Protein backbone atom coordinates (compact mmCIF):
# COMPACT_ATOMS: atom_id res chain seq x y z
CA MET A 1 -59.62 -38.05 -30.88
CA PRO A 2 -58.05 -37.97 -34.37
CA GLN A 3 -55.16 -39.09 -35.03
CA ASP A 4 -51.84 -36.86 -35.37
CA GLU A 5 -50.97 -38.62 -38.83
CA ALA A 6 -47.88 -36.62 -39.31
CA VAL A 7 -46.27 -38.10 -36.02
CA ILE A 8 -46.44 -42.15 -37.48
CA GLY A 9 -43.12 -42.89 -38.85
CA CYS A 10 -40.46 -39.89 -36.96
CA THR A 11 -38.29 -41.18 -34.99
CA GLY A 12 -38.25 -39.67 -31.22
CA GLU A 13 -35.55 -39.65 -27.72
CA VAL A 14 -37.08 -41.20 -24.54
CA LEU A 15 -37.45 -38.59 -21.71
CA LEU A 16 -39.44 -40.48 -19.33
CA PRO A 17 -38.60 -44.27 -19.48
CA THR A 18 -42.18 -45.72 -20.98
CA ARG A 19 -43.47 -48.14 -18.66
CA GLY A 20 -44.45 -51.39 -21.07
CA SER A 21 -48.46 -52.21 -20.47
CA ALA A 22 -47.98 -50.56 -16.82
CA GLY A 23 -48.12 -46.82 -18.18
CA PRO A 24 -46.48 -44.67 -20.83
CA GLY A 25 -44.09 -42.35 -20.87
CA GLU A 26 -42.80 -39.36 -22.30
CA ILE A 27 -40.55 -38.95 -25.97
CA LEU A 28 -39.77 -36.01 -28.06
CA VAL A 29 -39.69 -35.99 -31.71
CA ARG A 30 -38.55 -33.87 -34.67
CA VAL A 31 -42.02 -32.60 -36.06
CA ARG A 32 -43.60 -29.85 -38.34
CA GLY A 33 -39.71 -28.34 -38.35
CA GLY A 34 -39.88 -28.89 -34.71
CA SER A 35 -39.17 -30.45 -31.33
CA GLU A 36 -43.21 -31.59 -29.94
CA THR A 37 -43.01 -34.16 -26.93
CA PHE A 38 -46.33 -37.10 -26.50
CA LEU A 39 -47.36 -39.35 -24.16
CA ALA A 40 -45.59 -43.15 -25.82
CA TRP A 41 -46.83 -46.34 -25.17
CA SER A 42 -44.79 -49.68 -25.53
CA PRO A 43 -45.13 -53.02 -25.68
CA GLU A 44 -42.17 -52.98 -23.04
CA PRO A 45 -40.51 -50.94 -21.31
CA LEU A 46 -38.11 -48.11 -23.11
CA PRO A 47 -35.20 -46.23 -20.72
CA LYS A 48 -34.27 -43.04 -21.00
CA GLY A 49 -32.22 -42.64 -23.72
CA ALA A 50 -33.62 -44.75 -26.29
CA THR A 51 -34.44 -43.48 -29.92
CA VAL A 52 -37.82 -44.81 -30.73
CA LEU A 53 -40.05 -44.93 -34.06
CA VAL A 54 -43.22 -43.76 -33.70
CA ILE A 55 -45.39 -46.74 -35.12
CA GLU A 56 -49.37 -45.17 -34.09
CA SER A 57 -51.17 -42.15 -33.17
CA ARG A 58 -53.92 -42.73 -30.49
CA GLY A 59 -54.84 -39.36 -30.91
CA ARG A 60 -53.89 -35.62 -30.09
CA ARG A 61 -50.24 -35.88 -28.13
CA ALA A 62 -49.82 -39.55 -27.53
CA VAL A 63 -48.10 -42.41 -29.69
CA ASP A 64 -47.22 -45.87 -29.60
CA VAL A 65 -43.55 -46.49 -30.30
CA ILE A 66 -41.02 -49.34 -30.70
CA GLU A 67 -37.34 -49.22 -30.07
CA TRP A 68 -35.62 -47.85 -33.59
CA ALA A 69 -31.88 -48.44 -34.47
CA ASP A 70 -31.29 -46.55 -37.55
CA PRO A 71 -30.39 -49.70 -40.44
CA LEU A 72 -28.33 -46.50 -42.70
CA ASP A 73 -26.37 -45.99 -39.08
CA ALA A 74 -25.17 -50.18 -39.12
CA ALA A 75 -25.49 -50.37 -42.92
CA CYS A 76 -21.83 -47.35 -42.29
CA GLY A 77 -20.25 -49.17 -39.58
CA ASP A 78 -19.87 -52.62 -41.61
CA ALA A 79 -18.75 -50.18 -44.44
CA ALA A 80 -16.02 -48.60 -42.19
CA ASP A 81 -14.71 -52.34 -40.87
CA THR A 82 -13.81 -53.44 -44.33
CA GLY A 83 -11.70 -50.78 -45.77
């Protein structure tokens, strides 16, 4: 199946936990002006509610993800601590 390149680089939220090598979970991603769900595989299990970054498309409605923490959120938190 052809890759869905529009979703690569997008962040999302885990709706159904991923199970690492044991199988996929489900994520919700904001893409194309709306929100869409995808089956999601990750290197390690990820809990419901985790924020993820889509790193690869496996075709329609299936992606590879990693856990994601927005570096700008951390930078803003550090600035607040200094002043």
